[in-house]
Amino acid sequence: MSQIIRRLGVPPRDRGSAGGGNCPDIFELSDGRFAIIGTDVTDSLDAELPPDASRADYERIVVITRETMLRAKADIPDA
């Protein structure tokens, strides 16, 4: 079972989320994967995937804010 090692970027509160209803986040896991908290938009974007992209039934398409990704950029490893 993977465990969260660290957050990439800054906490949601530092990006203006005071309530908890808008808290996209990115975490690095102990097995090298990344976990994303975002808004599930599978129903609206599934048909928009390019022909060379697909997802399994157990996978979801999620979105995070641009600020969340940009604030995490410095913490994302190059390799």
N, C-alpha and C. Protein backbone atom coordinates (compact mmCIF):
# COMPACT_ATOMS: atom_id res chain seq x y z
N MET A 1 0.84 -1.18 0.00
CA MET A 1 0.00 0.00 0.00
C MET A 1 0.88 1.25 0.00
N SER A 2 0.62 2.16 -0.91
CA SER A 2 1.38 3.41 -0.98
C SER A 2 1.02 4.33 0.18
N GLN A 3 1.98 5.17 0.52
CA GLN A 3 1.75 6.18 1.54
C GLN A 3 2.14 7.54 0.97
N ILE A 4 1.49 8.58 1.45
CA ILE A 4 1.83 9.93 1.04
C ILE A 4 3.16 10.32 1.68
N ILE A 5 4.10 10.73 0.84
CA ILE A 5 5.41 11.17 1.33
C ILE A 5 5.40 12.67 1.58
N ARG A 6 4.87 13.41 0.58
CA ARG A 6 4.91 14.87 0.71
C ARG A 6 3.92 15.51 -0.24
N ARG A 7 3.59 16.74 0.07
CA ARG A 7 2.76 17.58 -0.82
C ARG A 7 3.70 18.24 -1.82
N LEU A 8 3.24 18.38 -3.03
CA LEU A 8 3.97 19.16 -4.03
C LEU A 8 3.29 20.51 -4.11
N GLY A 9 4.05 21.56 -3.93
CA GLY A 9 3.47 22.90 -3.92
C GLY A 9 3.12 23.33 -2.51
N VAL A 10 2.20 24.25 -2.44
CA VAL A 10 1.82 24.83 -1.15
C VAL A 10 0.44 24.33 -0.74
N PRO A 11 0.13 24.38 0.55
CA PRO A 11 -1.19 23.96 1.01
C PRO A 11 -2.30 24.80 0.37
N PRO A 12 -3.48 24.22 0.22
CA PRO A 12 -4.60 24.97 -0.37
C PRO A 12 -4.86 26.31 0.31
N ARG A 13 -4.68 26.38 1.60
CA ARG A 13 -4.92 27.65 2.33
C ARG A 13 -4.02 28.75 1.78
N ASP A 14 -2.78 28.39 1.38
CA ASP A 14 -1.86 29.38 0.83
C ASP A 14 -2.23 29.79 -0.59
N ARG A 15 -3.17 29.08 -1.19
CA ARG A 15 -3.67 29.42 -2.52
C ARG A 15 -5.06 30.03 -2.45
N GLY A 16 -5.49 30.40 -1.24
CA GLY A 16 -6.76 31.10 -1.10
C GLY A 16 -7.95 30.27 -0.71
N SER A 17 -7.79 28.99 -0.45
CA SER A 17 -8.92 28.16 -0.06
C SER A 17 -9.09 28.23 1.45
N ALA A 18 -10.14 28.90 1.87
CA ALA A 18 -10.38 29.05 3.31
C ALA A 18 -11.41 28.06 3.82
N GLY A 19 -12.20 27.48 2.91
CA GLY A 19 -13.31 26.66 3.34
C GLY A 19 -13.09 25.17 3.29
N GLY A 20 -12.46 24.66 2.31
CA GLY A 20 -12.31 23.23 2.17
C GLY A 20 -13.12 22.70 1.01
N GLY A 21 -13.86 23.56 0.34
CA GLY A 21 -14.64 23.13 -0.81
C GLY A 21 -13.88 23.27 -2.11
N ASN A 22 -12.72 23.87 -2.09
CA ASN A 22 -11.93 24.08 -3.30
C ASN A 22 -10.47 23.85 -2.96
N CYS A 23 -10.12 22.59 -2.81
CA CYS A 23 -8.79 22.27 -2.32
C CYS A 23 -8.02 21.31 -3.22
N PRO A 24 -7.81 21.66 -4.50
CA PRO A 24 -6.99 20.77 -5.32
C PRO A 24 -5.61 20.63 -4.70
N ASP A 25 -5.03 19.45 -4.85
CA ASP A 25 -3.74 19.19 -4.22
C ASP A 25 -3.01 18.09 -4.98
N ILE A 26 -1.69 18.05 -4.84
CA ILE A 26 -0.85 17.04 -5.49
C ILE A 26 0.07 16.46 -4.42
N PHE A 27 0.15 15.13 -4.37
CA PHE A 27 1.00 14.45 -3.39
C PHE A 27 1.89 13.43 -4.08
N GLU A 28 3.12 13.30 -3.60
CA GLU A 28 4.02 12.25 -4.06
C GLU A 28 3.82 11.05 -3.14
N LEU A 29 3.74 9.86 -3.73
CA LEU A 29 3.53 8.63 -2.97
C LEU A 29 4.83 7.85 -2.82
N SER A 30 4.85 6.97 -1.84
CA SER A 30 6.05 6.21 -1.53
C SER A 30 6.50 5.30 -2.66
N ASP A 31 5.60 4.92 -3.56
CA ASP A 31 5.99 4.05 -4.68
C ASP A 31 6.36 4.84 -5.93
N GLY A 32 6.46 6.17 -5.82
CA GLY A 32 6.87 6.99 -6.94
C GLY A 32 5.73 7.57 -7.75
N ARG A 33 4.50 7.11 -7.50
CA ARG A 33 3.35 7.67 -8.21
C ARG A 33 2.92 8.98 -7.55
N PHE A 34 1.94 9.64 -8.16
CA PHE A 34 1.41 10.89 -7.63
C PHE A 34 -0.08 10.76 -7.44
N ALA A 35 -0.60 11.34 -6.37
CA ALA A 35 -2.03 11.37 -6.12
C ALA A 35 -2.51 12.81 -6.30
N ILE A 36 -3.64 12.95 -6.98
CA ILE A 36 -4.19 14.26 -7.29
C ILE A 36 -5.58 14.38 -6.68
N ILE A 37 -5.82 15.46 -5.95
CA ILE A 37 -7.17 15.80 -5.53
C ILE A 37 -7.64 16.89 -6.48
N GLY A 38 -8.69 16.59 -7.21
CA GLY A 38 -9.21 17.55 -8.17
C GLY A 38 -10.68 17.32 -8.40
N THR A 39 -11.23 18.08 -9.29
CA THR A 39 -12.65 17.97 -9.63
C THR A 39 -12.83 16.90 -10.70
N ASP A 40 -13.71 15.96 -10.46
CA ASP A 40 -13.99 14.89 -11.41
C ASP A 40 -14.78 15.45 -12.59
N VAL A 41 -14.15 15.43 -13.76
CA VAL A 41 -14.80 15.94 -14.98
C VAL A 41 -14.86 14.85 -16.05
N THR A 42 -14.82 13.60 -15.61
CA THR A 42 -14.81 12.48 -16.54
C THR A 42 -15.98 12.55 -17.51
N ASP A 43 -17.17 12.79 -17.01
CA ASP A 43 -18.35 12.80 -17.87
C ASP A 43 -18.26 13.85 -18.97
N SER A 44 -17.69 15.01 -18.67
CA SER A 44 -17.65 16.07 -19.67
C SER A 44 -16.43 16.01 -20.58
N LEU A 45 -15.33 15.41 -20.14
CA LEU A 45 -14.12 15.40 -20.98
C LEU A 45 -13.80 14.05 -21.62
N ASP A 46 -14.46 13.00 -21.21
CA ASP A 46 -14.14 11.67 -21.74
C ASP A 46 -14.21 11.63 -23.27
N ALA A 47 -15.24 12.22 -23.82
CA ALA A 47 -15.40 12.21 -25.28
C ALA A 47 -14.40 13.14 -25.97
N GLU A 48 -13.75 14.00 -25.22
CA GLU A 48 -12.79 14.95 -25.79
C GLU A 48 -11.36 14.39 -25.84
N LEU A 49 -11.14 13.22 -25.24
CA LEU A 49 -9.79 12.66 -25.25
C LEU A 49 -9.32 12.44 -26.69
N PRO A 50 -8.05 12.71 -26.97
CA PRO A 50 -7.53 12.48 -28.32
C PRO A 50 -7.56 10.98 -28.65
N PRO A 51 -7.52 10.64 -29.92
CA PRO A 51 -7.61 9.24 -30.34
C PRO A 51 -6.54 8.32 -29.72
N ASP A 52 -5.38 8.87 -29.39
CA ASP A 52 -4.32 8.03 -28.83
C ASP A 52 -4.33 8.00 -27.30
N ALA A 53 -5.41 8.49 -26.69
CA ALA A 53 -5.56 8.47 -25.23
C ALA A 53 -6.77 7.63 -24.85
N SER A 54 -6.68 6.99 -23.71
CA SER A 54 -7.82 6.21 -23.22
C SER A 54 -7.71 6.13 -21.72
N ARG A 55 -8.78 5.66 -21.09
CA ARG A 55 -8.76 5.46 -19.65
C ARG A 55 -9.50 4.18 -19.33
N ALA A 56 -9.09 3.52 -18.28
CA ALA A 56 -9.76 2.31 -17.82
C ALA A 56 -11.03 2.71 -17.08
N ASP A 57 -11.93 1.77 -16.91
CA ASP A 57 -13.18 2.05 -16.19
C ASP A 57 -12.95 2.55 -14.77
N TYR A 58 -11.85 2.13 -14.16
CA TYR A 58 -11.56 2.55 -12.79
C TYR A 58 -10.81 3.87 -12.72
N GLU A 59 -10.47 4.47 -13.85
CA GLU A 59 -9.75 5.74 -13.88
C GLU A 59 -10.74 6.89 -14.10
N ARG A 60 -10.40 8.05 -13.54
CA ARG A 60 -11.22 9.24 -13.65
C ARG A 60 -10.36 10.37 -14.20
N ILE A 61 -10.98 11.29 -14.91
CA ILE A 61 -10.30 12.49 -15.37
C ILE A 61 -10.60 13.58 -14.34
N VAL A 62 -9.54 14.14 -13.76
CA VAL A 62 -9.73 15.21 -12.78
C VAL A 62 -8.99 16.45 -13.25
N VAL A 63 -9.48 17.60 -12.84
CA VAL A 63 -8.79 18.85 -13.14
C VAL A 63 -8.38 19.52 -11.84
N ILE A 64 -7.26 20.24 -11.94
CA ILE A 64 -6.79 21.07 -10.84
C ILE A 64 -6.59 22.47 -11.41
N THR A 65 -6.49 23.44 -10.55
CA THR A 65 -6.29 24.80 -11.04
C THR A 65 -4.88 24.97 -11.60
N ARG A 66 -4.75 25.93 -12.47
CA ARG A 66 -3.44 26.25 -13.03
C ARG A 66 -2.48 26.65 -11.90
N GLU A 67 -2.98 27.43 -10.95
CA GLU A 67 -2.13 27.86 -9.83
C GLU A 67 -1.61 26.67 -9.03
N THR A 68 -2.46 25.65 -8.83
CA THR A 68 -2.02 24.46 -8.10
C THR A 68 -0.83 23.81 -8.80
N MET A 69 -0.92 23.64 -10.11
CA MET A 69 0.17 23.02 -10.86
C MET A 69 1.41 23.90 -10.88
N LEU A 70 1.23 25.18 -11.11
CA LEU A 70 2.40 26.07 -11.17
C LEU A 70 3.11 26.17 -9.83
N ARG A 71 2.34 26.17 -8.74
CA ARG A 71 2.96 26.24 -7.42
C ARG A 71 3.66 24.94 -7.05
N ALA A 72 3.27 23.83 -7.70
CA ALA A 72 3.90 22.53 -7.44
C ALA A 72 5.10 22.28 -8.34
N LYS A 73 5.24 23.05 -9.39
CA LYS A 73 6.26 22.80 -10.40
C LYS A 73 7.67 22.65 -9.82
N ALA A 74 8.02 23.49 -8.88
CA ALA A 74 9.37 23.43 -8.30
C ALA A 74 9.60 22.14 -7.50
N ASP A 75 8.52 21.51 -7.04
CA ASP A 75 8.65 20.28 -6.24
C ASP A 75 8.57 19.01 -7.07
N ILE A 76 8.28 19.12 -8.36
CA ILE A 76 8.15 17.93 -9.20
C ILE A 76 9.54 17.49 -9.66
N PRO A 77 9.91 16.25 -9.34
CA PRO A 77 11.25 15.78 -9.70
C PRO A 77 11.44 15.71 -11.22
N ASP A 78 12.67 15.91 -11.66
CA ASP A 78 12.98 15.82 -13.09
C ASP A 78 13.04 14.36 -13.55
N ALA A 79 13.34 13.46 -12.66
CA ALA A 79 13.43 12.04 -13.05
C ALA A 79 12.88 11.16 -11.95
